[in-house]
Amino acid sequence: MAKNGLARIVISWRLVSGCYLVLPPGPPSYMSKVVEMNNTSGKLKYCPHPKFFPALELGFDMVNRDPNNLNEHLQVMWDDVFGEPEGVKSPDFVWSCSYKCFRGTKTCCYTLLAVLFGPCCAFFTAINFACLAFQHIWCLGPGLRCWKINCSFVRAFNSVCYAATWGPCAETCGLYFSKIKVRYQRLPDGDEEKDIMIV
């Protein structure tokens, strides 16, 4: 695979998260062997190196398209929608035909909507997040920093003023109340009140 039987082992978070990326030292092999660190399966995947395939970048995965489980709540499989309990069952051909109709219709409809409106939604969403990022980076961030700087000055000014005006008064009140002595004494138990509802 490589000269002198040596290979460079690099932990890559750009290609596949949680995988070991094994790169041969020299060309012409542009394919990288990725070993998934999975307890259940030790399958080998051959993935192109991101240097020669720019599409394989951070946040883009053609296999696992929801790595952060953003839409984990969206359960739209057949078993998640339909289920016949014991005692209420349709004929097998009806159940099988319904499954095929559901899967085919859902796949075709989603594919058509994704083809027609997916790029447009991605375009406008990218503009929205670009404007949001610009607002936070160039407007809100510096404004927040200015506010923190001004508030730190106001805090120091108020601390000096309160220490000069209220500090001596608070110390005097503390000395005054420190001379108060509290003594606890148990009072004798009185007669129990008679319940007027008892005859």
Protein backbone atom coordinates (compact mmCIF):
# COMPACT_ATOMS: atom_id res chain seq x y z
CA MET A 1 0.00 0.00 0.00
CA ALA A 2 2.83 2.42 0.81
CA LYS A 3 6.60 2.53 0.42
CA ASN A 4 8.61 0.65 3.05
CA GLY A 5 5.35 -0.63 4.50
CA LEU A 6 4.74 2.66 6.30
CA ALA A 7 1.51 4.60 6.47
CA ARG A 8 0.50 7.78 8.23
CA ILE A 9 -2.45 7.40 10.64
CA VAL A 10 -4.34 10.65 11.15
CA ILE A 11 -7.46 11.22 13.24
CA SER A 12 -9.69 13.11 10.84
CA TRP A 13 -12.78 14.99 11.99
CA ARG A 14 -13.32 16.53 8.58
CA LEU A 15 -14.08 13.33 6.71
CA VAL A 16 -15.92 11.07 9.13
CA SER A 17 -16.37 11.93 12.80
CA GLY A 18 -14.96 9.32 15.13
CA CYS A 19 -13.00 7.46 12.43
CA TYR A 20 -9.34 6.82 11.78
CA LEU A 21 -8.14 8.17 8.45
CA VAL A 22 -5.25 6.16 6.97
CA LEU A 23 -3.41 8.04 4.24
CA PRO A 24 -0.68 6.53 2.10
CA PRO A 25 2.44 8.70 2.08
CA GLY A 26 2.59 9.20 -1.65
CA PRO A 27 0.46 9.31 -4.79
CA PRO A 28 -1.08 7.93 -6.94
CA SER A 29 -3.59 6.45 -4.50
CA TYR A 30 -6.19 9.15 -3.85
CA MET A 31 -8.48 6.88 -1.90
CA SER A 32 -8.35 6.85 1.88
CA LYS A 33 -9.24 3.88 3.97
CA VAL A 34 -11.55 4.79 6.82
CA VAL A 35 -12.06 2.33 9.64
CA GLU A 36 -15.16 3.07 11.65
CA MET A 37 -14.65 2.77 15.39
CA ASN A 38 -17.90 0.95 15.99
CA ASN A 39 -18.40 -1.75 18.58
CA THR A 40 -21.09 -3.49 16.58
CA SER A 41 -19.42 -3.57 13.16
CA GLY A 42 -15.86 -3.27 12.00
CA LYS A 43 -16.65 -2.43 8.38
CA LEU A 44 -14.15 -0.76 6.09
CA LYS A 45 -15.22 2.24 4.05
CA TYR A 46 -13.25 3.67 1.18
CA CYS A 47 -13.75 7.43 0.98
CA PRO A 48 -11.99 9.97 -1.25
CA HIS A 49 -9.53 12.25 0.41
CA PRO A 50 -10.96 15.79 0.94
CA LYS A 51 -7.84 17.29 -0.64
CA PHE A 52 -8.82 15.92 -4.03
CA PHE A 53 -12.58 16.02 -3.46
CA PRO A 54 -13.53 19.40 -1.90
CA ALA A 55 -17.17 18.33 -1.42
CA LEU A 56 -16.09 16.10 1.46
CA GLU A 57 -15.70 18.89 3.98
CA LEU A 58 -16.77 19.50 7.54
CA GLY A 59 -20.56 19.43 7.93
CA PHE A 60 -21.17 17.60 4.64
CA ASP A 61 -21.78 13.87 4.57
CA MET A 62 -23.54 12.03 1.77
CA VAL A 63 -24.29 8.99 3.94
CA ASN A 64 -25.27 10.38 7.34
CA ARG A 65 -27.18 13.54 6.47
CA ASP A 66 -28.29 14.31 10.02
CA PRO A 67 -25.18 13.83 12.18
CA ASN A 68 -26.43 16.21 14.88
CA ASN A 69 -29.87 14.57 15.11
CA LEU A 70 -31.66 17.80 14.25
CA ASN A 71 -34.75 15.98 13.01
CA GLU A 72 -34.67 12.98 15.28
CA HIS A 73 -38.31 13.62 16.19
CA LEU A 74 -39.37 13.27 12.54
CA GLN A 75 -40.36 9.61 12.42
CA VAL A 76 -42.02 8.98 9.05
CA MET A 77 -41.30 5.30 8.45
CA TRP A 78 -44.12 2.83 7.89
CA ASP A 79 -43.78 1.28 11.34
CA ASP A 80 -43.84 4.74 12.93
CA VAL A 81 -47.15 5.68 11.31
CA PHE A 82 -49.20 2.50 10.94
CA GLY A 83 -49.62 -0.49 13.20
CA GLU A 84 -52.25 -3.17 13.55
CA PRO A 85 -52.73 -4.54 17.05
CA GLU A 86 -53.65 -8.08 17.91
CA GLY A 87 -57.20 -8.97 16.92
CA VAL A 88 -57.46 -6.33 14.19
CA LYS A 89 -55.55 -7.35 11.08
CA SER A 90 -56.15 -6.73 7.41
CA PRO A 91 -55.34 -9.32 4.72
CA ASP A 92 -51.69 -9.74 3.86
CA PHE A 93 -52.00 -8.43 0.31
CA VAL A 94 -53.78 -5.31 1.57
CA TRP A 95 -51.06 -4.65 4.15
CA SER A 96 -48.29 -5.25 1.61
CA CYS A 97 -49.95 -3.13 -1.08
CA SER A 98 -50.56 -0.31 1.40
CA TYR A 99 -46.92 -0.42 2.44
CA LYS A 100 -45.72 -0.20 -1.16
CA CYS A 101 -48.12 2.66 -1.93
CA PHE A 102 -47.04 4.55 1.18
CA ARG A 103 -43.33 4.12 0.56
CA GLY A 104 -43.50 4.90 -3.15
CA THR A 105 -45.74 7.93 -2.76
CA LYS A 106 -43.69 9.34 0.11
CA THR A 107 -40.41 8.82 -1.74
CA CYS A 108 -41.63 10.28 -5.03
CA CYS A 109 -43.36 13.26 -3.41
CA TYR A 110 -40.39 14.11 -1.19
CA THR A 111 -37.96 13.71 -4.08
CA LEU A 112 -40.06 15.98 -6.31
CA LEU A 113 -40.36 18.65 -3.61
CA ALA A 114 -36.65 18.41 -2.79
CA VAL A 115 -35.68 18.74 -6.47
CA LEU A 116 -38.02 21.67 -7.11
CA PHE A 117 -37.69 23.64 -3.89
CA GLY A 118 -34.60 22.25 -2.09
CA PRO A 119 -31.98 24.41 -3.84
CA CYS A 120 -34.18 27.51 -3.53
CA CYS A 121 -34.73 26.90 0.19
CA ALA A 122 -31.00 26.29 0.66
CA PHE A 123 -30.24 29.52 -1.23
CA PHE A 124 -32.54 31.69 0.86
CA THR A 125 -31.54 29.93 4.08
CA ALA A 126 -27.88 30.59 3.27
CA ILE A 127 -28.68 34.29 2.72
CA ASN A 128 -30.57 34.38 6.00
CA PHE A 129 -27.74 32.83 8.01
CA ALA A 130 -25.14 34.91 6.19
CA CYS A 131 -26.99 38.09 7.19
CA LEU A 132 -27.40 36.74 10.72
CA ALA A 133 -23.69 35.95 10.96
CA PHE A 134 -22.81 39.38 9.57
CA GLN A 135 -25.10 41.05 12.08
CA HIS A 136 -23.59 39.19 15.03
CA ILE A 137 -19.97 39.55 13.88
CA TRP A 138 -19.92 43.14 12.69
CA CYS A 139 -22.78 44.78 14.63
CA LEU A 140 -23.90 42.98 17.77
CA GLY A 141 -20.48 41.69 18.82
CA PRO A 142 -18.70 45.07 18.82
CA GLY A 143 -21.77 46.72 20.34
CA LEU A 144 -21.79 44.17 23.17
CA ARG A 145 -18.09 44.76 23.75
CA CYS A 146 -18.66 48.53 23.95
CA TRP A 147 -21.52 47.97 26.38
CA LYS A 148 -19.32 45.78 28.59
CA ILE A 149 -16.56 48.39 28.61
CA ASN A 150 -18.98 51.17 29.56
CA CYS A 151 -20.67 49.03 32.20
CA SER A 152 -17.31 48.19 33.76
CA PHE A 153 -16.63 51.93 34.12
CA VAL A 154 -20.08 52.53 35.63
CA ARG A 155 -19.52 49.64 38.03
CA ALA A 156 -16.18 51.02 39.20
CA PHE A 157 -17.65 54.53 39.56
CA ASN A 158 -20.62 53.29 41.60
CA SER A 159 -18.34 51.16 43.78
CA VAL A 160 -16.22 54.20 44.64
CA CYS A 161 -19.29 56.36 45.31
CA TYR A 162 -21.02 53.77 47.48
CA ALA A 163 -17.82 53.07 49.41
CA ALA A 164 -17.44 56.81 50.11
CA THR A 165 -21.08 57.52 51.05
CA TRP A 166 -22.88 54.37 52.19
CA GLY A 167 -19.83 52.50 53.48
CA PRO A 168 -19.36 54.48 56.74
CA CYS A 169 -23.11 54.43 57.42
CA ALA A 170 -23.25 50.67 56.93
CA GLU A 171 -20.26 50.17 59.23
CA THR A 172 -21.88 52.36 61.92
CA CYS A 173 -25.15 50.44 61.69
CA GLY A 174 -23.23 47.21 61.92
CA LEU A 175 -21.49 48.31 65.11
CA TYR A 176 -24.81 49.51 66.54
CA PHE A 177 -26.69 46.27 65.87
CA SER A 178 -23.74 44.16 67.03
CA LYS A 179 -24.34 45.41 70.61
CA ILE A 180 -27.83 43.93 70.70
CA LYS A 181 -28.08 40.83 72.84
CA VAL A 182 -30.80 38.26 72.38
CA ARG A 183 -31.81 35.95 75.20
CA TYR A 184 -34.07 32.95 74.75
CA GLN A 185 -36.43 32.00 77.59
CA ARG A 186 -39.06 29.31 77.58
CA LEU A 187 -42.49 30.50 78.65
CA PRO A 188 -44.70 28.31 80.81
CA ASP A 189 -47.27 26.28 78.96
CA GLY A 190 -50.79 27.71 79.25
CA ASP A 191 -54.04 25.85 79.60
CA GLU A 192 -55.17 24.11 76.51
CA GLU A 193 -58.03 25.86 74.80
CA LYS A 194 -61.28 24.03 75.10
CA ASP A 195 -62.91 23.01 71.91
CA ILE A 196 -66.31 24.66 71.85
CA MET A 197 -67.61 22.06 69.41
CA ILE A 198 -67.29 19.27 71.97
CA VAL A 199 -70.44 18.87 74.11
